[in-house]
């Protein structure tokens, strides 16, 4: 195969994986910002950084890039879900504590 064609196809395939992952993280960041008043952005950013550090290592061990894209999206969605659930539990706990401390008049 011609090297120009080979590298062109590689750039398209790599760009597709990177674009898919970026859209997933961007959408997750928007959901985290909207649902948690931006308080969930820190754990979400930590998960993004962790994935960005681990995926290149896994690629060097021979794991397929398309599998890693799916794995990264699943991890980010899981972190997003966990952040939203934990913040909902915290809000309900705070409301419960505040309602218990109110003295009836």
PDB file of N, CA and C in Angstrom:
ATOM      1  N   UNK A   1       0.858  -1.173   0.000  1.00  0.00           N
ATOM      2  CA  UNK A   1       0.000   0.000   0.000  1.00  0.00           C
ATOM      3  C   UNK A   1       0.907   1.240   0.000  1.00  0.00           C
ATOM      4  N   UNK A   2       0.462   2.242  -0.697  1.00  0.00           N
ATOM      5  CA  UNK A   2       1.194   3.499  -0.756  1.00  0.00           C
ATOM      6  C   UNK A   2       1.274   4.128   0.644  1.00  0.00           C
ATOM      7  N   UNK A   3       2.462   4.565   1.090  1.00  0.00           N
ATOM      8  CA  UNK A   3       2.586   5.137   2.443  1.00  0.00           C
ATOM      9  C   UNK A   3       1.693   6.352   2.665  1.00  0.00           C
ATOM     10  N   UNK A   4       1.502   7.174   1.637  1.00  0.00           N
ATOM     11  CA  UNK A   4       0.630   8.346   1.790  1.00  0.00           C
ATOM     12  C   UNK A   4      -0.794   7.905   2.100  1.00  0.00           C
ATOM     13  N   UNK A   5      -1.284   6.896   1.369  1.00  0.00           N
ATOM     14  CA  UNK A   5      -2.625   6.378   1.592  1.00  0.00           C
ATOM     15  C   UNK A   5      -2.710   5.705   2.967  1.00  0.00           C
ATOM     16  N   UNK A   6      -1.676   4.961   3.319  1.00  0.00           N
ATOM     17  CA  UNK A   6      -1.651   4.267   4.602  1.00  0.00           C
ATOM     18  C   UNK A   6      -1.732   5.254   5.773  1.00  0.00           C
ATOM     19  N   UNK A   7      -0.932   6.317   5.740  1.00  0.00           N
ATOM     20  CA  UNK A   7      -0.944   7.303   6.816  1.00  0.00           C
ATOM     21  C   UNK A   7      -2.215   8.141   6.801  1.00  0.00           C
ATOM     22  N   UNK A   8      -2.761   8.382   5.619  1.00  0.00           N
ATOM     23  CA  UNK A   8      -4.032   9.104   5.526  1.00  0.00           C
ATOM     24  C   UNK A   8      -5.167   8.326   6.169  1.00  0.00           C
ATOM     25  N   UNK A   9      -5.222   7.026   5.891  1.00  0.00           N
ATOM     26  CA  UNK A   9      -6.254   6.192   6.512  1.00  0.00           C
ATOM     27  C   UNK A   9      -6.046   6.080   8.025  1.00  0.00           C
ATOM     28  N   UNK A  10      -4.786   6.007   8.442  1.00  0.00           N
ATOM     29  CA  UNK A  10      -4.506   5.938   9.879  1.00  0.00           C
ATOM     30  C   UNK A  10      -4.952   7.219  10.578  1.00  0.00           C
ATOM     31  N   UNK A  11      -4.737   8.364   9.937  1.00  0.00           N
ATOM     32  CA  UNK A  11      -5.153   9.639  10.533  1.00  0.00           C
ATOM     33  C   UNK A  11      -6.670   9.726  10.627  1.00  0.00           C
ATOM     34  N   UNK A  12      -7.351   9.239   9.611  1.00  0.00           N
ATOM     35  CA  UNK A  12      -8.816   9.254   9.631  1.00  0.00           C
ATOM     36  C   UNK A  12      -9.335   8.341  10.733  1.00  0.00           C
ATOM     37  N   UNK A  13      -8.783   7.135  10.845  1.00  0.00           N
ATOM     38  CA  UNK A  13      -9.238   6.191  11.868  1.00  0.00           C
ATOM     39  C   UNK A  13      -8.927   6.711  13.268  1.00  0.00           C
ATOM     40  N   UNK A  14      -7.726   7.230  13.463  1.00  0.00           N
ATOM     41  CA  UNK A  14      -7.361   7.778  14.771  1.00  0.00           C
ATOM     42  C   UNK A  14      -8.175   9.002  15.122  1.00  0.00           C
ATOM     43  N   UNK A  15      -8.420   9.840  14.144  1.00  0.00           N
ATOM     44  CA  UNK A  15      -9.239  11.027  14.375  1.00  0.00           C
ATOM     45  C   UNK A  15     -10.668  10.672  14.724  1.00  0.00           C
ATOM     46  N   UNK A  16     -11.172   9.601  14.120  1.00  0.00           N
ATOM     47  CA  UNK A  16     -12.528   9.151  14.442  1.00  0.00           C
ATOM     48  C   UNK A  16     -12.634   8.680  15.877  1.00  0.00           C
ATOM     49  N   UNK A  17     -11.642   7.922  16.331  1.00  0.00           N
ATOM     50  CA  UNK A  17     -11.638   7.454  17.725  1.00  0.00           C
ATOM     51  C   UNK A  17     -11.495   8.632  18.678  1.00  0.00           C
ATOM     52  N   UNK A  18     -10.575   9.531  18.368  1.00  0.00           N
ATOM     53  CA  UNK A  18     -10.368  10.691  19.239  1.00  0.00           C
ATOM     54  C   UNK A  18     -11.604  11.589  19.245  1.00  0.00           C
ATOM     55  N   UNK A  19     -12.215  11.765  18.094  1.00  0.00           N
ATOM     56  CA  UNK A  19     -13.420  12.597  18.021  1.00  0.00           C
ATOM     57  C   UNK A  19     -14.576  12.002  18.805  1.00  0.00           C
ATOM     58  N   UNK A  20     -14.739  10.682  18.717  1.00  0.00           N
ATOM     59  CA  UNK A  20     -15.799  10.017  19.464  1.00  0.00           C
ATOM     60  C   UNK A  20     -15.584  10.168  20.962  1.00  0.00           C
ATOM     61  N   UNK A  21     -14.366   9.951  21.399  1.00  0.00           N
ATOM     62  CA  UNK A  21     -14.061  10.080  22.821  1.00  0.00           C
ATOM     63  C   UNK A  21     -14.228  11.522  23.292  1.00  0.00           C
ATOM     64  N   UNK A  22     -13.811  12.473  22.471  1.00  0.00           N
ATOM     65  CA  UNK A  22     -13.947  13.878  22.858  1.00  0.00           C
ATOM     66  C   UNK A  22     -15.416  14.284  22.954  1.00  0.00           C
ATOM     67  N   UNK A  23     -16.235  13.824  22.027  1.00  0.00           N
ATOM     68  CA  UNK A  23     -17.667  14.133  22.098  1.00  0.00           C
ATOM     69  C   UNK A  23     -18.292  13.534  23.351  1.00  0.00           C
ATOM     70  N   UNK A  24     -17.860  12.331  23.708  1.00  0.00           N
ATOM     71  CA  UNK A  24     -18.396  11.695  24.916  1.00  0.00           C
ATOM     72  C   UNK A  24     -17.988  12.474  26.163  1.00  0.00           C
ATOM     73  N   UNK A  25     -16.726  12.877  26.240  1.00  0.00           N
ATOM     74  CA  UNK A  25     -16.293  13.627  27.424  1.00  0.00           C
ATOM     75  C   UNK A  25     -16.927  15.008  27.474  1.00  0.00           C
ATOM     76  N   UNK A  26     -17.083  15.628  26.318  1.00  0.00           N
ATOM     77  CA  UNK A  26     -17.706  16.950  26.272  1.00  0.00           C
ATOM     78  C   UNK A  26     -19.173  16.867  26.700  1.00  0.00           C
ATOM     79  N   UNK A  27     -19.876  15.854  26.231  1.00  0.00           N
ATOM     80  CA  UNK A  27     -21.265  15.674  26.633  1.00  0.00           C
ATOM     81  C   UNK A  27     -21.385  15.356  28.115  1.00  0.00           C
ATOM     82  N   UNK A  28     -20.462  14.522  28.611  1.00  0.00           N
ATOM     83  CA  UNK A  28     -20.459  14.207  30.036  1.00  0.00           C
ATOM     84  C   UNK A  28     -20.168  15.417  30.888  1.00  0.00           C
ATOM     85  N   UNK A  29     -19.257  16.259  30.434  1.00  0.00           N
ATOM     86  CA  UNK A  29     -18.934  17.479  31.180  1.00  0.00           C
ATOM     87  C   UNK A  29     -20.151  18.403  31.222  1.00  0.00           C
ATOM     88  N   UNK A  30     -20.883  18.491  30.118  1.00  0.00           N
ATOM     89  CA  UNK A  30     -22.091  19.329  30.100  1.00  0.00           C
ATOM     90  C   UNK A  30     -23.143  18.785  31.057  1.00  0.00           C
ATOM     91  N   UNK A  31     -23.300  17.476  31.087  1.00  0.00           N
ATOM     92  CA  UNK A  31     -24.269  16.873  32.003  1.00  0.00           C
ATOM     93  C   UNK A  31     -23.837  17.076  33.447  1.00  0.00           C
ATOM     94  N   UNK A  32     -22.548  16.888  33.716  1.00  0.00           N
ATOM     95  CA  UNK A  32     -22.038  17.083  35.080  1.00  0.00           C
ATOM     96  C   UNK A  32     -22.224  18.522  35.531  1.00  0.00           C
ATOM     97  N   UNK A  33     -21.933  19.452  34.654  1.00  0.00           N
ATOM     98  CA  UNK A  33     -22.083  20.865  35.013  1.00  0.00           C
ATOM     99  C   UNK A  33     -23.543  21.205  35.280  1.00  0.00           C
ATOM    100  N   UNK A  34     -24.429  20.741  34.437  1.00  0.00           N
ATOM    101  CA  UNK A  34     -25.838  21.071  34.601  1.00  0.00           C
ATOM    102  C   UNK A  34     -26.500  20.381  35.773  1.00  0.00           C
ATOM    103  N   UNK A  35     -26.151  19.121  36.023  1.00  0.00           N
ATOM    104  CA  UNK A  35     -26.858  18.376  37.060  1.00  0.00           C
ATOM    105  C   UNK A  35     -26.269  18.558  38.448  1.00  0.00           C
ATOM    106  N   UNK A  36     -25.015  18.968  38.539  1.00  0.00           N
ATOM    107  CA  UNK A  36     -24.391  19.086  39.861  1.00  0.00           C
ATOM    108  C   UNK A  36     -23.946  20.507  40.175  1.00  0.00           C
ATOM    109  N   UNK A  37     -24.376  21.467  39.401  1.00  0.00           N
ATOM    110  CA  UNK A  37     -23.968  22.870  39.577  1.00  0.00           C
ATOM    111  C   UNK A  37     -22.445  22.977  39.560  1.00  0.00           C
ATOM    112  N   UNK A  38     -21.810  22.232  38.685  1.00  0.00           N
ATOM    113  CA  UNK A  38     -20.358  22.209  38.450  1.00  0.00           C
ATOM    114  C   UNK A  38     -19.562  21.600  39.590  1.00  0.00           C
ATOM    115  N   UNK A  39     -20.217  21.086  40.634  1.00  0.00           N
ATOM    116  CA  UNK A  39     -19.469  20.461  41.726  1.00  0.00           C
ATOM    117  C   UNK A  39     -18.949  19.079  41.335  1.00  0.00           C
ATOM    118  N   UNK A  40     -19.543  18.458  40.339  1.00  0.00           N
ATOM    119  CA  UNK A  40     -19.079  17.146  39.897  1.00  0.00           C
ATOM    120  C   UNK A  40     -17.979  17.211  38.861  1.00  0.00           C
ATOM    121  N   UNK A  41     -17.582  18.410  38.470  1.00  0.00           N
ATOM    122  CA  UNK A  41     -16.553  18.530  37.444  1.00  0.00           C
ATOM    123  C   UNK A  41     -15.186  18.050  37.921  1.00  0.00           C
ATOM    124  N   UNK A  42     -14.898  18.183  39.202  1.00  0.00           N
ATOM    125  CA  UNK A  42     -13.588  17.762  39.706  1.00  0.00           C
ATOM    126  C   UNK A  42     -13.418  16.247  39.614  1.00  0.00           C
ATOM    127  N   UNK A  43     -14.358  15.427  40.135  1.00  0.00           N
ATOM    128  CA  UNK A  43     -14.182  13.984  39.969  1.00  0.00           C
ATOM    129  C   UNK A  43     -14.206  13.566  38.500  1.00  0.00           C
ATOM    130  N   UNK A  44     -15.008  14.257  37.725  1.00  0.00           N
ATOM    131  CA  UNK A  44     -15.075  13.929  36.301  1.00  0.00           C
ATOM    132  C   UNK A  44     -13.742  14.244  35.613  1.00  0.00           C
ATOM    133  N   UNK A  45     -13.130  15.356  35.960  1.00  0.00           N
ATOM    134  CA  UNK A  45     -11.827  15.711  35.388  1.00  0.00           C
ATOM    135  C   UNK A  45     -10.748  14.739  35.832  1.00  0.00           C
ATOM    136  N   UNK A  46     -10.826  14.274  37.074  1.00  0.00           N
ATOM    137  CA  UNK A  46      -9.859  13.281  37.554  1.00  0.00           C
ATOM    138  C   UNK A  46     -10.004  11.991  36.748  1.00  0.00           C
ATOM    139  N   UNK A  47     -11.244  11.582  36.482  1.00  0.00           N
ATOM    140  CA  UNK A  47     -11.460  10.377  35.668  1.00  0.00           C
ATOM    141  C   UNK A  47     -10.934  10.580  34.252  1.00  0.00           C
ATOM    142  N   UNK A  48     -11.165  11.756  33.683  1.00  0.00           N
ATOM    143  CA  UNK A  48     -10.638  12.038  32.337  1.00  0.00           C
ATOM    144  C   UNK A  48      -9.118  11.943  32.313  1.00  0.00           C
ATOM    145  N   UNK A  49      -8.467  12.533  33.320  1.00  0.00           N
ATOM    146  CA  UNK A  49      -7.011  12.498  33.373  1.00  0.00           C
ATOM    147  C   UNK A  49      -6.489  11.081  33.569  1.00  0.00           C
ATOM    148  N   UNK A  50      -7.182  10.317  34.400  1.00  0.00           N
ATOM    149  CA  UNK A  50      -6.782   8.930  34.608  1.00  0.00           C
ATOM    150  C   UNK A  50      -6.880   8.108  33.328  1.00  0.00           C
ATOM    151  N   UNK A  51      -7.961   8.320  32.603  1.00  0.00           N
ATOM    152  CA  UNK A  51      -8.133   7.611  31.335  1.00  0.00           C
ATOM    153  C   UNK A  51      -7.072   8.043  30.339  1.00  0.00           C
ATOM    154  N   UNK A  52      -6.794   9.340  30.303  1.00  0.00           N
ATOM    155  CA  UNK A  52      -5.774   9.842  29.377  1.00  0.00           C
ATOM    156  C   UNK A  52      -4.393   9.294  29.709  1.00  0.00           C
ATOM    157  N   UNK A  53      -4.151   8.977  30.966  1.00  0.00           N
ATOM    158  CA  UNK A  53      -2.860   8.403  31.338  1.00  0.00           C
ATOM    159  C   UNK A  53      -2.778   6.907  31.137  1.00  0.00           C
ATOM    160  N   UNK A  54      -3.896   6.211  31.325  1.00  0.00           N
ATOM    161  CA  UNK A  54      -3.888   4.753  31.247  1.00  0.00           C
ATOM    162  C   UNK A  54      -4.016   4.239  29.811  1.00  0.00           C
ATOM    163  N   UNK A  55      -4.823   4.896  28.987  1.00  0.00           N
ATOM    164  CA  UNK A  55      -5.062   4.386  27.631  1.00  0.00           C
ATOM    165  C   UNK A  55      -3.790   4.259  26.787  1.00  0.00           C
ATOM    166  N   UNK A  56      -2.886   5.240  26.786  1.00  0.00           N
ATOM    167  CA  UNK A  56      -1.667   5.042  25.995  1.00  0.00           C
ATOM    168  C   UNK A  56      -0.826   3.860  26.462  1.00  0.00           C
ATOM    169  N   UNK A  57      -0.847   3.596  27.753  1.00  0.00           N
ATOM    170  CA  UNK A  57      -0.118   2.441  28.269  1.00  0.00           C
ATOM    171  C   UNK A  57      -0.742   1.147  27.753  1.00  0.00           C
ATOM    172  N   UNK A  58      -2.072   1.079  27.767  1.00  0.00           N
ATOM    173  CA  UNK A  58      -2.752  -0.110  27.266  1.00  0.00           C
ATOM    174  C   UNK A  58      -2.532  -0.304  25.770  1.00  0.00           C
ATOM    175  N   UNK A  59      -2.479   0.793  25.025  1.00  0.00           N
ATOM    176  CA  UNK A  59      -2.219   0.692  23.586  1.00  0.00           C
ATOM    177  C   UNK A  59      -0.839   0.093  23.346  1.00  0.00           C
ATOM    178  N   UNK A  60       0.139   0.479  24.162  1.00  0.00           N
ATOM    179  CA  UNK A  60       1.488  -0.068  24.010  1.00  0.00           C
ATOM    180  C   UNK A  60       1.544  -1.550  24.328  1.00  0.00           C
ATOM    181  N   UNK A  61       0.604  -2.058  25.108  1.00  0.00           N
ATOM    182  CA  UNK A  61       0.542  -3.486  25.386  1.00  0.00           C
ATOM    183  C   UNK A  61      -0.271  -4.254  24.348  1.00  0.00           C
ATOM    184  N   UNK A  62      -0.754  -3.571  23.330  1.00  0.00           N
ATOM    185  CA  UNK A  62      -1.413  -4.237  22.216  1.00  0.00           C
ATOM    186  C   UNK A  62      -2.923  -4.301  22.278  1.00  0.00           C
ATOM    187  N   UNK A  63      -3.551  -3.546  23.155  1.00  0.00           N
ATOM    188  CA  UNK A  63      -5.009  -3.533  23.210  1.00  0.00           C
ATOM    189  C   UNK A  63      -5.534  -2.711  22.045  1.00  0.00           C
ATOM    190  N   UNK A  64      -6.603  -3.176  21.412  1.00  0.00           N
ATOM    191  CA  UNK A  64      -7.166  -2.504  20.240  1.00  0.00           C
ATOM    192  C   UNK A  64      -7.734  -1.137  20.613  1.00  0.00           C
ATOM    193  N   UNK A  65      -7.486  -0.138  19.760  1.00  0.00           N
ATOM    194  CA  UNK A  65      -7.937   1.231  20.048  1.00  0.00           C
ATOM    195  C   UNK A  65      -9.453   1.353  20.110  1.00  0.00           C
ATOM    196  N   UNK A  66     -10.168   0.613  19.291  1.00  0.00           N
ATOM    197  CA  UNK A  66     -11.629   0.730  19.329  1.00  0.00           C
ATOM    198  C   UNK A  66     -12.178   0.196  20.643  1.00  0.00           C
ATOM    199  N   UNK A  67     -11.551  -0.852  21.185  1.00  0.00           N
ATOM    200  CA  UNK A  67     -11.973  -1.352  22.497  1.00  0.00           C
ATOM    201  C   UNK A  67     -11.701  -0.325  23.582  1.00  0.00           C
ATOM    202  N   UNK A  68     -10.587   0.383  23.460  1.00  0.00           N
ATOM    203  CA  UNK A  68     -10.243   1.390  24.455  1.00  0.00           C
ATOM    204  C   UNK A  68     -11.196   2.579  24.413  1.00  0.00           C
ATOM    205  N   UNK A  69     -11.651   2.941  23.231  1.00  0.00           N
ATOM    206  CA  UNK A  69     -12.613   4.036  23.118  1.00  0.00           C
ATOM    207  C   UNK A  69     -13.898   3.678  23.850  1.00  0.00           C
ATOM    208  N   UNK A  70     -14.368   2.474  23.630  1.00  0.00           N
ATOM    209  CA  UNK A  70     -15.588   2.017  24.307  1.00  0.00           C
ATOM    210  C   UNK A  70     -15.360   1.957  25.814  1.00  0.00           C
ATOM    211  N   UNK A  71     -14.195   1.458  26.229  1.00  0.00           N
ATOM    212  CA  UNK A  71     -13.869   1.392  27.652  1.00  0.00           C
ATOM    213  C   UNK A  71     -13.829   2.773  28.281  1.00  0.00           C
ATOM    214  N   UNK A  72     -13.212   3.725  27.598  1.00  0.00           N
ATOM    215  CA  UNK A  72     -13.119   5.085  28.127  1.00  0.00           C
ATOM    216  C   UNK A  72     -14.496   5.714  28.273  1.00  0.00           C
ATOM    217  N   UNK A  73     -15.345   5.518  27.287  1.00  0.00           N
ATOM    218  CA  UNK A  73     -16.705   6.069  27.359  1.00  0.00           C
ATOM    219  C   UNK A  73     -17.471   5.440  28.517  1.00  0.00           C
ATOM    220  N   UNK A  74     -17.339   4.133  28.692  1.00  0.00           N
ATOM    221  CA  UNK A  74     -18.026   3.466  29.794  1.00  0.00           C
ATOM    222  C   UNK A  74     -17.532   3.950  31.155  1.00  0.00           C
ATOM    223  N   UNK A  75     -16.230   4.163  31.294  1.00  0.00           N
ATOM    224  CA  UNK A  75     -15.691   4.661  32.559  1.00  0.00           C
ATOM    225  C   UNK A  75     -16.210   6.066  32.841  1.00  0.00           C
ATOM    226  N   UNK A  76     -16.207   6.928  31.838  1.00  0.00           N
ATOM    227  CA  UNK A  76     -16.683   8.301  32.047  1.00  0.00           C
ATOM    228  C   UNK A  76     -18.169   8.339  32.385  1.00  0.00           C
ATOM    229  N   UNK A  77     -18.963   7.507  31.729  1.00  0.00           N
ATOM    230  CA  UNK A  77     -20.397   7.456  32.038  1.00  0.00           C
ATOM    231  C   UNK A  77     -20.598   6.928  33.453  1.00  0.00           C
ATOM    232  N   UNK A  78     -19.798   5.943  33.857  1.00  0.00           N
ATOM    233  CA  UNK A  78     -19.908   5.408  35.210  1.00  0.00           C
ATOM    234  C   UNK A  78     -19.544   6.463  36.247  1.00  0.00           C
ATOM    235  N   UNK A  79     -18.475   7.202  36.007  1.00  0.00           N
ATOM    236  CA  UNK A  79     -18.079   8.258  36.935  1.00  0.00           C
ATOM    237  C   UNK A  79     -19.164   9.334  37.001  1.00  0.00           C
ATOM    238  N   UNK A  80     -19.700   9.693  35.859  1.00  0.00           N
ATOM    239  CA  UNK A  80     -20.774  10.685  35.823  1.00  0.00           C
ATOM    240  C   UNK A  80     -21.969  10.220  36.645  1.00  0.00           C
ATOM    241  N   UNK A  81     -22.361   8.975  36.471  1.00  0.00           N
ATOM    242  CA  UNK A  81     -23.489   8.423  37.220  1.00  0.00           C
ATOM    243  C   UNK A  81     -23.190   8.424  38.715  1.00  0.00           C
ATOM    244  N   UNK A  82     -21.984   8.018  39.089  1.00  0.00           N
ATOM    245  CA  UNK A  82     -21.606   7.984  40.489  1.00  0.00           C
ATOM    246  C   UNK A  82     -21.617   9.378  41.109  1.00  0.00           C
ATOM    247  N   UNK A  83     -21.109  10.358  40.393  1.00  0.00           N
ATOM    248  CA  UNK A  83     -21.089  11.734  40.901  1.00  0.00           C
ATOM    249  C   UNK A  83     -22.508  12.242  41.115  1.00  0.00           C
ATOM    250  N   UNK A  84     -23.385  12.022  40.162  1.00  0.00           N
ATOM    251  CA  UNK A  84     -24.769  12.494  40.286  1.00  0.00           C
ATOM    252  C   UNK A  84     -25.469  11.804  41.454  1.00  0.00           C
ATOM    253  N   UNK A  85     -25.275  10.500  41.589  1.00  0.00           N
ATOM    254  CA  UNK A  85     -25.914   9.770  42.692  1.00  0.00           C
ATOM    255  C   UNK A  85     -25.387  10.258  44.045  1.00  0.00           C
ATOM    256  N   UNK A  86     -24.075  10.411  44.160  1.00  0.00           N
ATOM    257  CA  UNK A  86     -23.510  10.877  45.433  1.00  0.00           C
ATOM    258  C   UNK A  86     -23.977  12.279  45.793  1.00  0.00           C
ATOM    259  N   UNK A  87     -24.079  13.149  44.799  1.00  0.00           N
ATOM    260  CA  UNK A  87     -24.560  14.495  45.095  1.00  0.00           C
ATOM    261  C   UNK A  87     -26.042  14.500  45.471  1.00  0.00           C
ATOM    262  N   UNK A  88     -26.834  13.643  44.860  1.00  0.00           N
ATOM    263  CA  UNK A  88     -28.250  13.545  45.239  1.00  0.00           C
ATOM    264  C   UNK A  88     -28.383  13.044  46.672  1.00  0.00           C
ATOM    265  N   UNK A  89     -27.589  12.048  47.035  1.00  0.00           N
ATOM    266  CA  UNK A  89     -27.607  11.544  48.407  1.00  0.00           C
ATOM    267  C   UNK A  89     -27.184  12.645  49.376  1.00  0.00           C
ATOM    268  N   UNK A  90     -26.161  13.416  49.025  1.00  0.00           N
ATOM    269  CA  UNK A  90     -25.705  14.500  49.889  1.00  0.00           C
ATOM    270  C   UNK A  90     -26.786  15.560  50.061  1.00  0.00           C
ATOM    271  N   UNK A  91     -27.472  15.916  48.991  1.00  0.00           N
ATOM    272  CA  UNK A  91     -28.533  16.923  49.073  1.00  0.00           C
ATOM    273  C   UNK A  91     -29.675  16.432  49.954  1.00  0.00           C
ATOM    274  N   UNK A  92     -30.086  15.176  49.775  1.00  0.00           N
ATOM    275  CA  UNK A  92     -31.157  14.649  50.613  1.00  0.00           C
ATOM    276  C   UNK A  92     -30.734  14.550  52.073  1.00  0.00           C
ATOM    277  N   UNK A  93     -29.475  14.190  52.332  1.00  0.00           N
ATOM    278  CA  UNK A  93     -28.985  14.121  53.711  1.00  0.00           C
ATOM    279  C   UNK A  93     -28.974  15.506  54.353  1.00  0.00           C
ATOM    280  N   UNK A  94     -28.542  16.499  53.613  1.00  0.00           N
ATOM    281  CA  UNK A  94     -28.517  17.867  54.144  1.00  0.00           C
ATOM    282  C   UNK A  94     -29.935  18.351  54.417  1.00  0.00           C
ATOM    283  N   UNK A  95     -30.860  18.081  53.494  1.00  0.00           N
ATOM    284  CA  UNK A  95     -32.260  18.481  53.731  1.00  0.00           C
ATOM    285  C   UNK A  95     -32.829  17.781  54.949  1.00  0.00           C
ATOM    286  N   UNK A  96     -32.517  16.508  55.131  1.00  0.00           N
ATOM    287  CA  UNK A  96     -33.025  15.753  56.273  1.00  0.00           C
ATOM    288  C   UNK A  96     -32.486  16.329  57.575  1.00  0.00           C
ATOM    289  N   UNK A  97     -31.184  16.666  57.600  1.00  0.00           N
ATOM    290  CA  UNK A  97     -30.572  17.241  58.802  1.00  0.00           C
ATOM    291  C   UNK A  97     -31.183  18.604  59.112  1.00  0.00           C
ATOM    292  N   UNK A  98     -31.363  19.426  58.091  1.00  0.00           N
ATOM    293  CA  UNK A  98     -31.943  20.759  58.302  1.00  0.00           C
ATOM    294  C   UNK A  98     -33.379  20.641  58.792  1.00  0.00           C
ATOM    295  N   UNK A  99     -34.161  19.739  58.230  1.00  0.00           N
ATOM    296  CA  UNK A  99     -35.554  19.577  58.660  1.00  0.00           C
ATOM    297  C   UNK A  99     -35.646  19.036  60.080  1.00  0.00           C
ATOM    298  N   UNK A 100     -34.714  18.209  60.486  1.00  0.00           N
ATOM    299  CA  UNK A 100     -34.718  17.686  61.869  1.00  0.00           C
ATOM    300  C   UNK A 100     -34.375  18.743  62.882  1.00  0.00           C
ATOM    301  N   UNK A 101     -33.537  19.674  62.519  1.00  0.00           N
ATOM    302  CA  UNK A 101     -33.094  20.705  63.463  1.00  0.00           C
ATOM    303  C   UNK A 101     -34.086  21.856  63.598  1.00  0.00           C
ATOM    304  N   UNK A 102     -35.020  21.948  62.686  1.00  0.00           N
ATOM    305  CA  UNK A 102     -35.989  23.040  62.784  1.00  0.00           C
ATOM    306  C   UNK A 102     -36.929  22.782  63.946  1.00  0.00           C
ATOM    307  N   UNK A 103     -37.129  23.808  64.709  1.00  0.00           N
ATOM    308  CA  UNK A 103     -38.021  23.719  65.862  1.00  0.00           C
ATOM    309  C   UNK A 103     -39.415  24.129  65.421  1.00  0.00           C
ATOM    310  N   UNK A 104     -40.421  23.314  65.670  1.00  0.00           N
ATOM    311  CA  UNK A 104     -41.788  23.708  65.273  1.00  0.00           C
ATOM    312  C   UNK A 104     -42.270  24.896  66.089  1.00  0.00           C
ATOM    313  N   UNK A 105     -42.950  25.798  65.431  1.00  0.00           N
ATOM    314  CA  UNK A 105     -43.448  26.995  66.133  1.00  0.00           C
ATOM    315  C   UNK A 105     -44.925  26.928  66.357  1.00  0.00           C
TER     316      UNK A 105
END
